[in-house]
């Protein structure tokens, strides 16, 4: 999946851990990722968390996609900081999964908490 993910590549995301039900993805915040207040754009923090979520919930050949997600922003960051998103599977029931993602900065402070809900489709990666 990540070999074809042009958006995550464009944002400079690096997959550090890719295990069934768990993923860690990092991203360096660049100047072009800042909003009008010179802080990391919330949509890009969400994108980082969403990428870690996607990796964690795609455990086999079946395509699993987001059914929904929520995020709470807790701390702002700026250019030059590295963000790390850690996604963990909480539960899977049938085709539905629930995953939590914590985004931290380089000082290990929590930047955001993300909760994603997944749906496994009938498609297979091919």
PDB file of N, CA and C in Angstrom:
ATOM      1  N   UNK A   1       0.820  -1.182   0.000  1.00  0.00           N
ATOM      2  CA  UNK A   1       0.000   0.000   0.000  1.00  0.00           C
ATOM      3  C   UNK A   1       0.875   1.262   0.000  1.00  0.00           C
ATOM      4  N   UNK A   2       1.871   1.316   0.871  1.00  0.00           N
ATOM      5  CA  UNK A   2       2.690   2.524   0.972  1.00  0.00           C
ATOM      6  C   UNK A   2       3.543   2.764  -0.268  1.00  0.00           C
ATOM      7  N   UNK A   3       3.858   1.724  -1.000  1.00  0.00           N
ATOM      8  CA  UNK A   3       4.645   1.924  -2.235  1.00  0.00           C
ATOM      9  C   UNK A   3       3.878   2.752  -3.259  1.00  0.00           C
ATOM     10  N   UNK A   4       2.536   2.752  -3.156  1.00  0.00           N
ATOM     11  CA  UNK A   4       1.707   3.498  -4.090  1.00  0.00           C
ATOM     12  C   UNK A   4       1.104   4.759  -3.467  1.00  0.00           C
ATOM     13  N   UNK A   5       1.484   5.097  -2.251  1.00  0.00           N
ATOM     14  CA  UNK A   5       0.902   6.239  -1.536  1.00  0.00           C
ATOM     15  C   UNK A   5       1.704   7.509  -1.835  1.00  0.00           C
ATOM     16  N   UNK A   6       1.319   8.173  -2.913  1.00  0.00           N
ATOM     17  CA  UNK A   6       2.027   9.384  -3.345  1.00  0.00           C
ATOM     18  C   UNK A   6       1.847  10.528  -2.352  1.00  0.00           C
ATOM     19  N   UNK A   7       0.695  10.623  -1.714  1.00  0.00           N
ATOM     20  CA  UNK A   7       0.440  11.720  -0.776  1.00  0.00           C
ATOM     21  C   UNK A   7       1.368  11.638   0.432  1.00  0.00           C
ATOM     22  N   UNK A   8       1.471  10.456   1.025  1.00  0.00           N
ATOM     23  CA  UNK A   8       2.352  10.297   2.193  1.00  0.00           C
ATOM     24  C   UNK A   8       3.807  10.524   1.814  1.00  0.00           C
ATOM     25  N   UNK A   9       4.197  10.062   0.630  1.00  0.00           N
ATOM     26  CA  UNK A   9       5.573  10.274   0.155  1.00  0.00           C
ATOM     27  C   UNK A   9       5.849  11.759  -0.041  1.00  0.00           C
ATOM     28  N   UNK A  10       4.894  12.480  -0.622  1.00  0.00           N
ATOM     29  CA  UNK A  10       5.060  13.912  -0.857  1.00  0.00           C
ATOM     30  C   UNK A  10       5.239  14.668   0.456  1.00  0.00           C
ATOM     31  N   UNK A  11       4.597  14.182   1.505  1.00  0.00           N
ATOM     32  CA  UNK A  11       4.719  14.824   2.815  1.00  0.00           C
ATOM     33  C   UNK A  11       5.961  14.377   3.577  1.00  0.00           C
ATOM     34  N   UNK A  12       6.732  13.457   3.004  1.00  0.00           N
ATOM     35  CA  UNK A  12       7.983  13.020   3.620  1.00  0.00           C
ATOM     36  C   UNK A  12       7.798  12.050   4.765  1.00  0.00           C
ATOM     37  N   UNK A  13       6.680  11.348   4.798  1.00  0.00           N
ATOM     38  CA  UNK A  13       6.429  10.401   5.886  1.00  0.00           C
ATOM     39  C   UNK A  13       7.346   9.191   5.782  1.00  0.00           C
ATOM     40  N   UNK A  14       7.799   8.723   6.942  1.00  0.00           N
ATOM     41  CA  UNK A  14       8.690   7.572   7.036  1.00  0.00           C
ATOM     42  C   UNK A  14       8.017   6.521   7.915  1.00  0.00           C
ATOM     43  N   UNK A  15       7.869   5.307   7.375  1.00  0.00           N
ATOM     44  CA  UNK A  15       7.288   4.212   8.141  1.00  0.00           C
ATOM     45  C   UNK A  15       8.391   3.598   8.998  1.00  0.00           C
ATOM     46  N   UNK A  16       8.230   3.665  10.306  1.00  0.00           N
ATOM     47  CA  UNK A  16       9.220   3.126  11.234  1.00  0.00           C
ATOM     48  C   UNK A  16       8.848   1.728  11.716  1.00  0.00           C
ATOM     49  N   UNK A  17       7.549   1.479  11.884  1.00  0.00           N
ATOM     50  CA  UNK A  17       7.060   0.176  12.335  1.00  0.00           C
ATOM     51  C   UNK A  17       5.835  -0.168  11.511  1.00  0.00           C
ATOM     52  N   UNK A  18       5.790  -1.402  10.999  1.00  0.00           N
ATOM     53  CA  UNK A  18       4.644  -1.901  10.241  1.00  0.00           C
ATOM     54  C   UNK A  18       4.394  -3.334  10.698  1.00  0.00           C
ATOM     55  N   UNK A  19       3.519  -3.482  11.681  1.00  0.00           N
ATOM     56  CA  UNK A  19       3.180  -4.790  12.243  1.00  0.00           C
ATOM     57  C   UNK A  19       1.666  -4.950  12.198  1.00  0.00           C
ATOM     58  N   UNK A  20       1.170  -6.171  12.195  1.00  0.00           N
ATOM     59  CA  UNK A  20      -0.286  -6.353  12.240  1.00  0.00           C
ATOM     60  C   UNK A  20      -0.884  -5.634  13.457  1.00  0.00           C
ATOM     61  N   UNK A  21      -1.782  -4.694  13.183  1.00  0.00           N
ATOM     62  CA  UNK A  21      -2.449  -3.981  14.264  1.00  0.00           C
ATOM     63  C   UNK A  21      -1.652  -2.872  14.900  1.00  0.00           C
ATOM     64  N   UNK A  22      -0.467  -2.573  14.389  1.00  0.00           N
ATOM     65  CA  UNK A  22       0.376  -1.521  14.985  1.00  0.00           C
ATOM     66  C   UNK A  22       1.264  -0.905  13.915  1.00  0.00           C
ATOM     67  N   UNK A  23       1.409   0.419  13.971  1.00  0.00           N
ATOM     68  CA  UNK A  23       2.294   1.116  13.033  1.00  0.00           C
ATOM     69  C   UNK A  23       2.825   2.383  13.686  1.00  0.00           C
ATOM     70  N   UNK A  24       4.028   2.772  13.276  1.00  0.00           N
ATOM     71  CA  UNK A  24       4.622   4.034  13.699  1.00  0.00           C
ATOM     72  C   UNK A  24       5.121   4.735  12.432  1.00  0.00           C
ATOM     73  N   UNK A  25       4.691   5.981  12.267  1.00  0.00           N
ATOM     74  CA  UNK A  25       5.063   6.777  11.091  1.00  0.00           C
ATOM     75  C   UNK A  25       5.525   8.147  11.576  1.00  0.00           C
ATOM     76  N   UNK A  26       6.627   8.645  11.022  1.00  0.00           N
ATOM     77  CA  UNK A  26       7.134   9.960  11.422  1.00  0.00           C
ATOM     78  C   UNK A  26       7.136  10.916  10.231  1.00  0.00           C
ATOM     79  N   UNK A  27       7.181  12.203  10.564  1.00  0.00           N
ATOM     80  CA  UNK A  27       7.191  13.245   9.539  1.00  0.00           C
ATOM     81  C   UNK A  27       7.859  14.490  10.107  1.00  0.00           C
ATOM     82  N   UNK A  28       8.784  15.044   9.367  1.00  0.00           N
ATOM     83  CA  UNK A  28       9.409  16.317   9.717  1.00  0.00           C
ATOM     84  C   UNK A  28       8.496  17.441   9.252  1.00  0.00           C
ATOM     85  N   UNK A  29       8.153  18.355  10.152  1.00  0.00           N
ATOM     86  CA  UNK A  29       7.320  19.496   9.784  1.00  0.00           C
ATOM     87  C   UNK A  29       8.183  20.505   9.029  1.00  0.00           C
ATOM     88  N   UNK A  30       7.760  20.799   7.799  1.00  0.00           N
ATOM     89  CA  UNK A  30       8.490  21.736   6.941  1.00  0.00           C
ATOM     90  C   UNK A  30       7.782  23.096   6.934  1.00  0.00           C
ATOM     91  N   UNK A  31       8.478  24.113   6.433  1.00  0.00           N
ATOM     92  CA  UNK A  31       7.905  25.452   6.333  1.00  0.00           C
ATOM     93  C   UNK A  31       6.613  25.456   5.522  1.00  0.00           C
ATOM     94  N   UNK A  32       6.570  24.644   4.458  1.00  0.00           N
ATOM     95  CA  UNK A  32       5.378  24.626   3.602  1.00  0.00           C
ATOM     96  C   UNK A  32       4.221  23.827   4.210  1.00  0.00           C
ATOM     97  N   UNK A  33       4.377  23.357   5.451  1.00  0.00           N
ATOM     98  CA  UNK A  33       3.313  22.645   6.167  1.00  0.00           C
ATOM     99  C   UNK A  33       2.678  23.516   7.243  1.00  0.00           C
ATOM    100  N   UNK A  34       3.086  24.785   7.304  1.00  0.00           N
ATOM    101  CA  UNK A  34       2.579  25.684   8.338  1.00  0.00           C
ATOM    102  C   UNK A  34       1.345  26.430   7.860  1.00  0.00           C
ATOM    103  N   UNK A  35       0.454  26.729   8.805  1.00  0.00           N
ATOM    104  CA  UNK A  35      -0.724  27.530   8.470  1.00  0.00           C
ATOM    105  C   UNK A  35      -0.397  29.014   8.634  1.00  0.00           C
ATOM    106  N   UNK A  36      -1.403  29.862   8.586  1.00  0.00           N
ATOM    107  CA  UNK A  36      -1.210  31.304   8.684  1.00  0.00           C
ATOM    108  C   UNK A  36      -0.730  31.791  10.029  1.00  0.00           C
ATOM    109  N   UNK A  37      -0.743  30.916  11.040  1.00  0.00           N
ATOM    110  CA  UNK A  37      -0.247  31.268  12.368  1.00  0.00           C
ATOM    111  C   UNK A  37       1.147  30.710  12.621  1.00  0.00           C
ATOM    112  N   UNK A  38       1.789  30.186  11.572  1.00  0.00           N
ATOM    113  CA  UNK A  38       3.141  29.615  11.629  1.00  0.00           C
ATOM    114  C   UNK A  38       3.206  28.373  12.515  1.00  0.00           C
ATOM    115  N   UNK A  39       2.107  27.613  12.563  1.00  0.00           N
ATOM    116  CA  UNK A  39       2.098  26.326  13.254  1.00  0.00           C
ATOM    117  C   UNK A  39       1.681  25.248  12.258  1.00  0.00           C
ATOM    118  N   UNK A  40       2.018  24.008  12.574  1.00  0.00           N
ATOM    119  CA  UNK A  40       1.704  22.903  11.668  1.00  0.00           C
ATOM    120  C   UNK A  40       0.206  22.874  11.384  1.00  0.00           C
ATOM    121  N   UNK A  41      -0.144  22.788  10.119  1.00  0.00           N
ATOM    122  CA  UNK A  41      -1.541  22.733   9.698  1.00  0.00           C
ATOM    123  C   UNK A  41      -2.196  21.468  10.263  1.00  0.00           C
ATOM    124  N   UNK A  42      -3.335  21.625  10.895  1.00  0.00           N
ATOM    125  CA  UNK A  42      -4.024  20.501  11.502  1.00  0.00           C
ATOM    126  C   UNK A  42      -4.346  19.387  10.516  1.00  0.00           C
ATOM    127  N   UNK A  43      -4.631  19.741   9.283  1.00  0.00           N
ATOM    128  CA  UNK A  43      -4.926  18.729   8.277  1.00  0.00           C
ATOM    129  C   UNK A  43      -3.735  17.838   7.992  1.00  0.00           C
ATOM    130  N   UNK A  44      -2.535  18.375   8.137  1.00  0.00           N
ATOM    131  CA  UNK A  44      -1.337  17.573   7.896  1.00  0.00           C
ATOM    132  C   UNK A  44      -1.006  16.701   9.096  1.00  0.00           C
ATOM    133  N   UNK A  45      -1.319  17.170  10.293  1.00  0.00           N
ATOM    134  CA  UNK A  45      -1.180  16.322  11.483  1.00  0.00           C
ATOM    135  C   UNK A  45      -2.177  15.168  11.370  1.00  0.00           C
ATOM    136  N   UNK A  46      -3.395  15.485  10.916  1.00  0.00           N
ATOM    137  CA  UNK A  46      -4.410  14.445  10.691  1.00  0.00           C
ATOM    138  C   UNK A  46      -3.917  13.453   9.648  1.00  0.00           C
ATOM    139  N   UNK A  47      -3.325  13.948   8.566  1.00  0.00           N
ATOM    140  CA  UNK A  47      -2.827  13.064   7.506  1.00  0.00           C
ATOM    141  C   UNK A  47      -1.779  12.089   8.040  1.00  0.00           C
ATOM    142  N   UNK A  48      -0.894  12.558   8.904  1.00  0.00           N
ATOM    143  CA  UNK A  48       0.110  11.681   9.510  1.00  0.00           C
ATOM    144  C   UNK A  48      -0.564  10.583  10.329  1.00  0.00           C
ATOM    145  N   UNK A  49      -1.505  10.966  11.182  1.00  0.00           N
ATOM    146  CA  UNK A  49      -2.223   9.986  12.003  1.00  0.00           C
ATOM    147  C   UNK A  49      -2.999   9.016  11.119  1.00  0.00           C
ATOM    148  N   UNK A  50      -3.616   9.518  10.072  1.00  0.00           N
ATOM    149  CA  UNK A  50      -4.409   8.699   9.165  1.00  0.00           C
ATOM    150  C   UNK A  50      -3.544   7.674   8.438  1.00  0.00           C
ATOM    151  N   UNK A  51      -2.331   8.043   8.081  1.00  0.00           N
ATOM    152  CA  UNK A  51      -1.416   7.107   7.424  1.00  0.00           C
ATOM    153  C   UNK A  51      -1.022   5.978   8.370  1.00  0.00           C
ATOM    154  N   UNK A  52      -0.700   6.323   9.620  1.00  0.00           N
ATOM    155  CA  UNK A  52      -0.365   5.277  10.597  1.00  0.00           C
ATOM    156  C   UNK A  52      -1.563   4.354  10.810  1.00  0.00           C
ATOM    157  N   UNK A  53      -2.756   4.918  10.902  1.00  0.00           N
ATOM    158  CA  UNK A  53      -3.994   4.155  11.032  1.00  0.00           C
ATOM    159  C   UNK A  53      -4.164   3.199   9.851  1.00  0.00           C
ATOM    160  N   UNK A  54      -3.965   3.704   8.647  1.00  0.00           N
ATOM    161  CA  UNK A  54      -4.126   2.879   7.439  1.00  0.00           C
ATOM    162  C   UNK A  54      -3.173   1.691   7.442  1.00  0.00           C
ATOM    163  N   UNK A  55      -1.951   1.913   7.847  1.00  0.00           N
ATOM    164  CA  UNK A  55      -0.970   0.821   7.885  1.00  0.00           C
ATOM    165  C   UNK A  55      -1.372  -0.210   8.938  1.00  0.00           C
ATOM    166  N   UNK A  56      -1.774   0.268  10.114  1.00  0.00           N
ATOM    167  CA  UNK A  56      -2.126  -0.649  11.200  1.00  0.00           C
ATOM    168  C   UNK A  56      -3.338  -1.510  10.860  1.00  0.00           C
ATOM    169  N   UNK A  57      -4.293  -0.971  10.124  1.00  0.00           N
ATOM    170  CA  UNK A  57      -5.520  -1.743   9.870  1.00  0.00           C
ATOM    171  C   UNK A  57      -5.463  -2.572   8.591  1.00  0.00           C
ATOM    172  N   UNK A  58      -4.441  -2.428   7.784  1.00  0.00           N
ATOM    173  CA  UNK A  58      -4.286  -3.267   6.590  1.00  0.00           C
ATOM    174  C   UNK A  58      -3.287  -4.369   6.895  1.00  0.00           C
ATOM    175  N   UNK A  59      -3.802  -5.439   7.505  1.00  0.00           N
ATOM    176  CA  UNK A  59      -2.961  -6.521   8.019  1.00  0.00           C
ATOM    177  C   UNK A  59      -2.769  -7.670   7.047  1.00  0.00           C
ATOM    178  N   UNK A  60      -3.619  -7.783   6.052  1.00  0.00           N
ATOM    179  CA  UNK A  60      -3.530  -8.917   5.131  1.00  0.00           C
ATOM    180  C   UNK A  60      -3.864  -8.439   3.720  1.00  0.00           C
ATOM    181  N   UNK A  61      -4.227  -9.363   2.841  1.00  0.00           N
ATOM    182  CA  UNK A  61      -4.454  -9.008   1.439  1.00  0.00           C
ATOM    183  C   UNK A  61      -5.774  -8.275   1.205  1.00  0.00           C
ATOM    184  N   UNK A  62      -6.663  -8.271   2.202  1.00  0.00           N
ATOM    185  CA  UNK A  62      -7.945  -7.567   2.065  1.00  0.00           C
ATOM    186  C   UNK A  62      -7.741  -6.063   2.240  1.00  0.00           C
ATOM    187  N   UNK A  63      -8.421  -5.280   1.414  1.00  0.00           N
ATOM    188  CA  UNK A  63      -8.317  -3.822   1.477  1.00  0.00           C
ATOM    189  C   UNK A  63      -9.220  -3.314   2.603  1.00  0.00           C
ATOM    190  N   UNK A  64      -8.613  -2.591   3.540  1.00  0.00           N
ATOM    191  CA  UNK A  64      -9.346  -2.000   4.654  1.00  0.00           C
ATOM    192  C   UNK A  64      -9.226  -0.485   4.546  1.00  0.00           C
ATOM    193  N   UNK A  65     -10.360   0.201   4.668  1.00  0.00           N
ATOM    194  CA  UNK A  65     -10.402   1.656   4.509  1.00  0.00           C
ATOM    195  C   UNK A  65     -11.028   2.301   5.737  1.00  0.00           C
ATOM    196  N   UNK A  66     -10.883   3.609   5.834  1.00  0.00           N
ATOM    197  CA  UNK A  66     -11.470   4.355   6.945  1.00  0.00           C
ATOM    198  C   UNK A  66     -12.975   4.477   6.758  1.00  0.00           C
ATOM    199  N   UNK A  67     -13.713   4.220   7.841  1.00  0.00           N
ATOM    200  CA  UNK A  67     -15.151   4.469   7.867  1.00  0.00           C
ATOM    201  C   UNK A  67     -15.426   5.803   8.561  1.00  0.00           C
ATOM    202  N   UNK A  68     -14.449   6.282   9.302  1.00  0.00           N
ATOM    203  CA  UNK A  68     -14.562   7.555   9.998  1.00  0.00           C
ATOM    204  C   UNK A  68     -13.384   7.744  10.917  1.00  0.00           C
ATOM    205  N   UNK A  69     -13.176   8.983  11.330  1.00  0.00           N
ATOM    206  CA  UNK A  69     -12.071   9.277  12.244  1.00  0.00           C
ATOM    207  C   UNK A  69     -12.328  10.613  12.917  1.00  0.00           C
ATOM    208  N   UNK A  70     -11.807  10.734  14.122  1.00  0.00           N
ATOM    209  CA  UNK A  70     -11.886  11.976  14.899  1.00  0.00           C
ATOM    210  C   UNK A  70     -10.492  12.285  15.418  1.00  0.00           C
ATOM    211  N   UNK A  71     -10.222  13.575  15.592  1.00  0.00           N
ATOM    212  CA  UNK A  71      -8.923  13.966  16.140  1.00  0.00           C
ATOM    213  C   UNK A  71      -9.120  15.090  17.150  1.00  0.00           C
ATOM    214  N   UNK A  72      -8.279  15.076  18.176  1.00  0.00           N
ATOM    215  CA  UNK A  72      -8.229  16.153  19.160  1.00  0.00           C
ATOM    216  C   UNK A  72      -6.803  16.696  19.124  1.00  0.00           C
ATOM    217  N   UNK A  73      -6.674  17.991  18.858  1.00  0.00           N
ATOM    218  CA  UNK A  73      -5.363  18.638  18.830  1.00  0.00           C
ATOM    219  C   UNK A  73      -5.052  19.166  20.226  1.00  0.00           C
ATOM    220  N   UNK A  74      -3.882  18.796  20.746  1.00  0.00           N
ATOM    221  CA  UNK A  74      -3.534  19.131  22.125  1.00  0.00           C
ATOM    222  C   UNK A  74      -2.354  20.084  22.253  1.00  0.00           C
ATOM    223  N   UNK A  75      -1.504  20.136  21.235  1.00  0.00           N
ATOM    224  CA  UNK A  75      -0.314  20.994  21.292  1.00  0.00           C
ATOM    225  C   UNK A  75       0.063  21.380  19.879  1.00  0.00           C
ATOM    226  N   UNK A  76       0.430  22.628  19.690  1.00  0.00           N
ATOM    227  CA  UNK A  76       0.868  23.055  18.357  1.00  0.00           C
ATOM    228  C   UNK A  76       2.355  22.760  18.174  1.00  0.00           C
ATOM    229  N   UNK A  77       2.737  22.625  16.922  1.00  0.00           N
ATOM    230  CA  UNK A  77       4.141  22.395  16.561  1.00  0.00           C
ATOM    231  C   UNK A  77       4.482  23.315  15.399  1.00  0.00           C
ATOM    232  N   UNK A  78       5.762  23.383  15.083  1.00  0.00           N
ATOM    233  CA  UNK A  78       6.191  24.280  14.019  1.00  0.00           C
ATOM    234  C   UNK A  78       7.291  23.642  13.181  1.00  0.00           C
ATOM    235  N   UNK A  79       7.760  24.368  12.186  1.00  0.00           N
ATOM    236  CA  UNK A  79       8.776  23.848  11.273  1.00  0.00           C
ATOM    237  C   UNK A  79      10.019  23.404  12.034  1.00  0.00           C
ATOM    238  N   UNK A  80      10.582  22.286  11.571  1.00  0.00           N
ATOM    239  CA  UNK A  80      11.787  21.741  12.177  1.00  0.00           C
ATOM    240  C   UNK A  80      11.505  20.671  13.208  1.00  0.00           C
ATOM    241  N   UNK A  81      10.268  20.547  13.646  1.00  0.00           N
ATOM    242  CA  UNK A  81       9.931  19.513  14.621  1.00  0.00           C
ATOM    243  C   UNK A  81       9.564  18.224  13.895  1.00  0.00           C
ATOM    244  N   UNK A  82       9.857  17.108  14.552  1.00  0.00           N
ATOM    245  CA  UNK A  82       9.488  15.801  14.006  1.00  0.00           C
ATOM    246  C   UNK A  82       8.303  15.262  14.778  1.00  0.00           C
ATOM    247  N   UNK A  83       7.272  14.873  14.032  1.00  0.00           N
ATOM    248  CA  UNK A  83       6.083  14.277  14.628  1.00  0.00           C
ATOM    249  C   UNK A  83       6.116  12.774  14.384  1.00  0.00           C
ATOM    250  N   UNK A  84       5.655  12.021  15.372  1.00  0.00           N
ATOM    251  CA  UNK A  84       5.630  10.554  15.267  1.00  0.00           C
ATOM    252  C   UNK A  84       4.247  10.074  15.670  1.00  0.00           C
ATOM    253  N   UNK A  85       3.586   9.361  14.773  1.00  0.00           N
ATOM    254  CA  UNK A  85       2.250   8.828  15.023  1.00  0.00           C
ATOM    255  C   UNK A  85       2.345   7.335  15.289  1.00  0.00           C
ATOM    256  N   UNK A  86       1.796   6.904  16.419  1.00  0.00           N
ATOM    257  CA  UNK A  86       1.772   5.488  16.786  1.00  0.00           C
ATOM    258  C   UNK A  86       0.327   5.021  16.789  1.00  0.00           C
ATOM    259  N   UNK A  87       0.020   4.078  15.901  1.00  0.00           N
ATOM    260  CA  UNK A  87      -1.340   3.539  15.771  1.00  0.00           C
ATOM    261  C   UNK A  87      -1.398   2.156  16.392  1.00  0.00           C
ATOM    262  N   UNK A  88      -2.482   1.891  17.127  1.00  0.00           N
ATOM    263  CA  UNK A  88      -2.667   0.607  17.797  1.00  0.00           C
ATOM    264  C   UNK A  88      -4.112   0.143  17.602  1.00  0.00           C
ATOM    265  N   UNK A  89      -4.254  -1.107  17.209  1.00  0.00           N
ATOM    266  CA  UNK A  89      -5.594  -1.695  17.087  1.00  0.00           C
ATOM    267  C   UNK A  89      -6.172  -1.885  18.489  1.00  0.00           C
ATOM    268  N   UNK A  90      -7.412  -1.450  18.686  1.00  0.00           N
ATOM    269  CA  UNK A  90      -8.120  -1.667  19.940  1.00  0.00           C
ATOM    270  C   UNK A  90      -8.993  -2.906  19.846  1.00  0.00           C
ATOM    271  N   UNK A  91      -9.740  -3.031  18.755  1.00  0.00           N
ATOM    272  CA  UNK A  91     -10.602  -4.190  18.578  1.00  0.00           C
ATOM    273  C   UNK A  91     -11.027  -4.324  17.122  1.00  0.00           C
ATOM    274  N   UNK A  92     -11.329  -5.551  16.722  1.00  0.00           N
ATOM    275  CA  UNK A  92     -11.909  -5.832  15.417  1.00  0.00           C
ATOM    276  C   UNK A  92     -13.079  -6.770  15.641  1.00  0.00           C
ATOM    277  N   UNK A  93     -14.204  -6.445  15.014  1.00  0.00           N
ATOM    278  CA  UNK A  93     -15.398  -7.279  15.096  1.00  0.00           C
ATOM    279  C   UNK A  93     -15.974  -7.384  13.693  1.00  0.00           C
ATOM    280  N   UNK A  94     -15.890  -8.569  13.124  1.00  0.00           N
ATOM    281  CA  UNK A  94     -16.344  -8.730  11.743  1.00  0.00           C
ATOM    282  C   UNK A  94     -15.489  -7.888  10.815  1.00  0.00           C
ATOM    283  N   UNK A  95     -16.142  -7.024  10.047  1.00  0.00           N
ATOM    284  CA  UNK A  95     -15.421  -6.168   9.090  1.00  0.00           C
ATOM    285  C   UNK A  95     -15.069  -4.803   9.666  1.00  0.00           C
ATOM    286  N   UNK A  96     -15.392  -4.558  10.942  1.00  0.00           N
ATOM    287  CA  UNK A  96     -15.202  -3.243  11.553  1.00  0.00           C
ATOM    288  C   UNK A  96     -14.070  -3.270  12.568  1.00  0.00           C
ATOM    289  N   UNK A  97     -13.227  -2.240  12.526  1.00  0.00           N
ATOM    290  CA  UNK A  97     -12.130  -2.137  13.480  1.00  0.00           C
ATOM    291  C   UNK A  97     -12.096  -0.774  14.144  1.00  0.00           C
ATOM    292  N   UNK A  98     -11.462  -0.717  15.290  1.00  0.00           N
ATOM    293  CA  UNK A  98     -11.289   0.524  16.037  1.00  0.00           C
ATOM    294  C   UNK A  98      -9.814   0.657  16.386  1.00  0.00           C
ATOM    295  N   UNK A  99      -9.236   1.822  16.063  1.00  0.00           N
ATOM    296  CA  UNK A  99      -7.801   2.055  16.232  1.00  0.00           C
ATOM    297  C   UNK A  99      -7.576   3.406  16.889  1.00  0.00           C
ATOM    298  N   UNK A 100      -6.598   3.468  17.779  1.00  0.00           N
ATOM    299  CA  UNK A 100      -6.191   4.725  18.400  1.00  0.00           C
ATOM    300  C   UNK A 100      -4.795   5.090  17.906  1.00  0.00           C
ATOM    301  N   UNK A 101      -4.613   6.375  17.643  1.00  0.00           N
ATOM    302  CA  UNK A 101      -3.323   6.886  17.169  1.00  0.00           C
ATOM    303  C   UNK A 101      -2.935   8.071  18.051  1.00  0.00           C
ATOM    304  N   UNK A 102      -1.733   8.012  18.611  1.00  0.00           N
ATOM    305  CA  UNK A 102      -1.187   9.134  19.370  1.00  0.00           C
ATOM    306  C   UNK A 102      -0.076   9.768  18.552  1.00  0.00           C
ATOM    307  N   UNK A 103      -0.164  11.082  18.366  1.00  0.00           N
ATOM    308  CA  UNK A 103       0.883  11.834  17.672  1.00  0.00           C
ATOM    309  C   UNK A 103       1.678  12.580  18.726  1.00  0.00           C
ATOM    310  N   UNK A 104       2.993  12.366  18.706  1.00  0.00           N
ATOM    311  CA  UNK A 104       3.899  13.020  19.668  1.00  0.00           C
ATOM    312  C   UNK A 104       4.959  13.818  18.923  1.00  0.00           C
ATOM    313  N   UNK A 105       5.514  14.816  19.598  1.00  0.00           N
ATOM    314  CA  UNK A 105       6.626  15.558  19.007  1.00  0.00           C
ATOM    315  C   UNK A 105       7.951  14.939  19.462  1.00  0.00           C
ATOM    316  N   UNK A 106       9.051  15.562  19.095  1.00  0.00           N
ATOM    317  CA  UNK A 106      10.370  14.998  19.393  1.00  0.00           C
ATOM    318  C   UNK A 106      10.713  15.020  20.878  1.00  0.00           C
ATOM    319  N   UNK A 107       9.955  15.768  21.677  1.00  0.00           N
ATOM    320  CA  UNK A 107      10.172  15.771  23.131  1.00  0.00           C
ATOM    321  C   UNK A 107       9.253  14.778  23.830  1.00  0.00           C
ATOM    322  N   UNK A 108       8.490  14.017  23.049  1.00  0.00           N
ATOM    323  CA  UNK A 108       7.543  13.005  23.518  1.00  0.00           C
ATOM    324  C   UNK A 108       6.263  13.610  24.088  1.00  0.00           C
ATOM    325  N   UNK A 109       6.047  14.909  23.871  1.00  0.00           N
ATOM    326  CA  UNK A 109       4.779  15.523  24.261  1.00  0.00           C
ATOM    327  C   UNK A 109       3.691  15.085  23.286  1.00  0.00           C
ATOM    328  N   UNK A 110       2.487  14.879  23.795  1.00  0.00           N
ATOM    329  CA  UNK A 110       1.369  14.498  22.941  1.00  0.00           C
ATOM    330  C   UNK A 110       0.864  15.729  22.189  1.00  0.00           C
ATOM    331  N   UNK A 111       0.833  15.607  20.878  1.00  0.00           N
ATOM    332  CA  UNK A 111       0.380  16.676  19.987  1.00  0.00           C
ATOM    333  C   UNK A 111      -1.094  16.484  19.634  1.00  0.00           C
ATOM    334  N   UNK A 112      -1.493  15.234  19.423  1.00  0.00           N
ATOM    335  CA  UNK A 112      -2.881  14.950  19.035  1.00  0.00           C
ATOM    336  C   UNK A 112      -3.236  13.510  19.366  1.00  0.00           C
ATOM    337  N   UNK A 113      -4.538  13.285  19.567  1.00  0.00           N
ATOM    338  CA  UNK A 113      -5.092  11.943  19.744  1.00  0.00           C
ATOM    339  C   UNK A 113      -6.141  11.737  18.654  1.00  0.00           C
ATOM    340  N   UNK A 114      -6.027  10.628  17.953  1.00  0.00           N
ATOM    341  CA  UNK A 114      -6.862  10.307  16.795  1.00  0.00           C
ATOM    342  C   UNK A 114      -7.513   8.954  17.045  1.00  0.00           C
ATOM    343  N   UNK A 115      -8.789   8.830  16.722  1.00  0.00           N
ATOM    344  CA  UNK A 115      -9.468   7.531  16.793  1.00  0.00           C
ATOM    345  C   UNK A 115     -10.075   7.259  15.428  1.00  0.00           C
ATOM    346  N   UNK A 116      -9.676   6.116  14.855  1.00  0.00           N
ATOM    347  CA  UNK A 116     -10.160   5.747  13.532  1.00  0.00           C
ATOM    348  C   UNK A 116     -11.014   4.493  13.565  1.00  0.00           C
ATOM    349  N   UNK A 117     -12.022   4.478  12.719  1.00  0.00           N
ATOM    350  CA  UNK A 117     -12.891   3.324  12.553  1.00  0.00           C
ATOM    351  C   UNK A 117     -12.699   2.794  11.142  1.00  0.00           C
ATOM    352  N   UNK A 118     -12.439   1.507  11.021  1.00  0.00           N
ATOM    353  CA  UNK A 118     -12.137   0.911   9.724  1.00  0.00           C
ATOM    354  C   UNK A 118     -13.227  -0.045   9.262  1.00  0.00           C
ATOM    355  N   UNK A 119     -13.270  -0.234   7.951  1.00  0.00           N
ATOM    356  CA  UNK A 119     -14.148  -1.219   7.332  1.00  0.00           C
ATOM    357  C   UNK A 119     -13.314  -2.024   6.356  1.00  0.00           C
ATOM    358  N   UNK A 120     -13.375  -3.349   6.480  1.00  0.00           N
ATOM    359  CA  UNK A 120     -12.683  -4.219   5.546  1.00  0.00           C
ATOM    360  C   UNK A 120     -13.603  -4.506   4.363  1.00  0.00           C
ATOM    361  N   UNK A 121     -13.097  -4.246   3.174  1.00  0.00           N
ATOM    362  CA  UNK A 121     -13.895  -4.419   1.959  1.00  0.00           C
ATOM    363  C   UNK A 121     -13.733  -5.834   1.409  1.00  0.00           C
ATOM    364  N   UNK A 122     -14.429  -6.108   0.344  1.00  0.00           N
ATOM    365  CA  UNK A 122     -14.287  -7.408  -0.329  1.00  0.00           C
ATOM    366  C   UNK A 122     -13.145  -7.388  -1.354  1.00  0.00           C
ATOM    367  N   UNK A 123     -12.514  -6.235  -1.548  1.00  0.00           N
ATOM    368  CA  UNK A 123     -11.382  -6.108  -2.474  1.00  0.00           C
ATOM    369  C   UNK A 123     -10.135  -6.711  -1.859  1.00  0.00           C
ATOM    370  N   UNK A 124      -9.252  -7.190  -2.720  1.00  0.00           N
ATOM    371  CA  UNK A 124      -7.962  -7.675  -2.263  1.00  0.00           C
ATOM    372  C   UNK A 124      -6.871  -6.918  -2.994  1.00  0.00           C
ATOM    373  N   UNK A 125      -5.746  -6.766  -2.329  1.00  0.00           N
ATOM    374  CA  UNK A 125      -4.599  -6.080  -2.929  1.00  0.00           C
ATOM    375  C   UNK A 125      -4.062  -6.990  -4.030  1.00  0.00           C
ATOM    376  N   UNK A 126      -3.840  -6.418  -5.174  1.00  0.00           N
ATOM    377  CA  UNK A 126      -3.362  -7.257  -6.261  1.00  0.00           C
ATOM    378  C   UNK A 126      -2.497  -6.563  -7.238  1.00  0.00           C
TER     379      UNK A 126
END
